[in-house]
C-alpha atoms as a PDB file:
ATOM      1  CA  UNK A   1     143.557 163.194  69.036  1.00  0.00           C
ATOM      2  CA  UNK A   2     142.265 159.798  70.056  1.00  0.00           C
ATOM      3  CA  UNK A   3     141.891 158.345  73.512  1.00  0.00           C
ATOM      4  CA  UNK A   4     144.310 155.404  73.512  1.00  0.00           C
ATOM      5  CA  UNK A   5     142.034 153.487  75.886  1.00  0.00           C
ATOM      6  CA  UNK A   6     139.463 153.159  73.081  1.00  0.00           C
ATOM      7  CA  UNK A   7     141.901 151.083  70.993  1.00  0.00           C
ATOM      8  CA  UNK A   8     141.899 147.795  72.915  1.00  0.00           C
ATOM      9  CA  UNK A   9     144.353 145.996  70.597  1.00  0.00           C
ATOM     10  CA  UNK A  10     146.881 148.776  71.154  1.00  0.00           C
ATOM     11  CA  UNK A  11     146.416 149.335  74.877  1.00  0.00           C
ATOM     12  CA  UNK A  12     147.331 145.694  75.499  1.00  0.00           C
ATOM     13  CA  UNK A  13     150.261 145.626  73.078  1.00  0.00           C
ATOM     14  CA  UNK A  14     152.684 148.507  73.346  1.00  0.00           C
ATOM     15  CA  UNK A  15     155.624 149.777  75.356  1.00  0.00           C
ATOM     16  CA  UNK A  16     157.359 153.139  75.514  1.00  0.00           C
ATOM     17  CA  UNK A  17     160.359 153.358  73.205  1.00  0.00           C
ATOM     18  CA  UNK A  18     162.190 155.446  75.798  1.00  0.00           C
ATOM     19  CA  UNK A  19     162.159 152.376  78.106  1.00  0.00           C
ATOM     20  CA  UNK A  20     164.061 150.114  75.706  1.00  0.00           C
ATOM     21  CA  UNK A  21     167.825 150.573  75.818  1.00  0.00           C
ATOM     22  CA  UNK A  22     168.386 148.377  72.747  1.00  0.00           C
ATOM     23  CA  UNK A  23     166.199 150.490  70.470  1.00  0.00           C
ATOM     24  CA  UNK A  24     166.421 153.961  71.974  1.00  0.00           C
ATOM     25  CA  UNK A  25     169.534 154.978  70.020  1.00  0.00           C
ATOM     26  CA  UNK A  26     168.075 153.854  66.683  1.00  0.00           C
ATOM     27  CA  UNK A  27     165.586 156.721  66.454  1.00  0.00           C
ATOM     28  CA  UNK A  28     165.539 160.445  67.040  1.00  0.00           C
ATOM     29  CA  UNK A  29     163.167 161.672  69.749  1.00  0.00           C
ATOM     30  CA  UNK A  30     162.467 158.272  71.361  1.00  0.00           C
ATOM     31  CA  UNK A  31     160.260 159.945  73.975  1.00  0.00           C
ATOM     32  CA  UNK A  32     157.777 160.649  71.167  1.00  0.00           C
ATOM     33  CA  UNK A  33     157.079 156.979  70.302  1.00  0.00           C
ATOM     34  CA  UNK A  34     155.378 153.827  71.449  1.00  0.00           C
ATOM     35  CA  UNK A  35     156.766 150.515  70.221  1.00  0.00           C
ATOM     36  CA  UNK A  36     155.172 147.144  69.472  1.00  0.00           C
ATOM     37  CA  UNK A  37     157.387 144.127  68.831  1.00  0.00           C
ATOM     38  CA  UNK A  38     156.486 141.361  66.377  1.00  0.00           C
ATOM     39  CA  UNK A  39     157.708 138.620  68.679  1.00  0.00           C
ATOM     40  CA  UNK A  40     155.243 139.485  71.468  1.00  0.00           C
ATOM     41  CA  UNK A  41     152.549 141.665  69.864  1.00  0.00           C
ATOM     42  CA  UNK A  42     150.087 141.022  66.968  1.00  0.00           C
ATOM     43  CA  UNK A  43     151.556 143.603  64.566  1.00  0.00           C
ATOM     44  CA  UNK A  44     149.207 142.988  61.649  1.00  0.00           C
ATOM     45  CA  UNK A  45     146.150 143.489  63.838  1.00  0.00           C
ATOM     46  CA  UNK A  46     147.644 146.593  65.439  1.00  0.00           C
ATOM     47  CA  UNK A  47     148.664 148.050  62.053  1.00  0.00           C
ATOM     48  CA  UNK A  48     145.204 147.374  60.619  1.00  0.00           C
ATOM     49  CA  UNK A  49     143.548 149.251  63.485  1.00  0.00           C
ATOM     50  CA  UNK A  50     146.002 152.154  63.245  1.00  0.00           C
ATOM     51  CA  UNK A  51     145.360 152.454  59.499  1.00  0.00           C
ATOM     52  CA  UNK A  52     141.576 152.470  60.049  1.00  0.00           C
ATOM     53  CA  UNK A  53     141.961 155.290  62.565  1.00  0.00           C
ATOM     54  CA  UNK A  54     144.522 157.204  60.466  1.00  0.00           C
ATOM     55  CA  UNK A  55     147.161 157.071  63.200  1.00  0.00           C
ATOM     56  CA  UNK A  56     150.782 157.686  62.234  1.00  0.00           C
ATOM     57  CA  UNK A  57     153.129 154.707  62.549  1.00  0.00           C
ATOM     58  CA  UNK A  58     156.104 153.149  60.788  1.00  0.00           C
ATOM     59  CA  UNK A  59     157.281 149.575  60.399  1.00  0.00           C
ATOM     60  CA  UNK A  60     160.961 148.689  60.908  1.00  0.00           C
ATOM     61  CA  UNK A  61     163.167 145.617  60.622  1.00  0.00           C
ATOM     62  CA  UNK A  62     164.958 144.894  63.855  1.00  0.00           C
ATOM     63  CA  UNK A  63     168.762 145.101  63.570  1.00  0.00           C
ATOM     64  CA  UNK A  64     169.114 142.917  66.671  1.00  0.00           C
ATOM     65  CA  UNK A  65     166.968 139.968  65.547  1.00  0.00           C
ATOM     66  CA  UNK A  66     165.013 138.650  62.571  1.00  0.00           C
ATOM     67  CA  UNK A  67     161.884 140.292  63.925  1.00  0.00           C
ATOM     68  CA  UNK A  68     160.289 143.666  63.223  1.00  0.00           C
ATOM     69  CA  UNK A  69     158.499 146.360  65.161  1.00  0.00           C
ATOM     70  CA  UNK A  70     156.103 149.285  64.826  1.00  0.00           C
ATOM     71  CA  UNK A  71     156.886 152.786  65.989  1.00  0.00           C
ATOM     72  CA  UNK A  72     153.711 154.660  66.832  1.00  0.00           C
ATOM     73  CA  UNK A  73     153.735 158.414  67.289  1.00  0.00           C
ATOM     74  CA  UNK A  74     152.228 158.948  70.736  1.00  0.00           C
ATOM     75  CA  UNK A  75     151.323 162.549  69.865  1.00  0.00           C
ATOM     76  CA  UNK A  76     148.214 161.041  68.234  1.00  0.00           C
ATOM     77  CA  UNK A  77     146.780 160.079  71.615  1.00  0.00           C
ATOM     78  CA  UNK A  78     145.444 161.414  74.858  1.00  0.00           C
ATOM     79  CA  UNK A  79     145.590 159.457  78.137  1.00  0.00           C
ATOM     80  CA  UNK A  80     149.073 158.062  77.757  1.00  0.00           C
END
């Protein structure tokens, strides 16, 4: 497990999926995920860092807009 505070690009650019009413019903176990949105977060930089650190995430097209988002499994981290 990785301390999330050591991943600066992520600590500044995520929210809890459970806090977003528009997305919460799109995924099972929303309490298990962090979310980063393409319209307000630098997804390519975040994804690059997650890949380097071998952290589980998935990329999704947003059904509400033309944007996309990352779902990041928060079980990979401590200090959340």
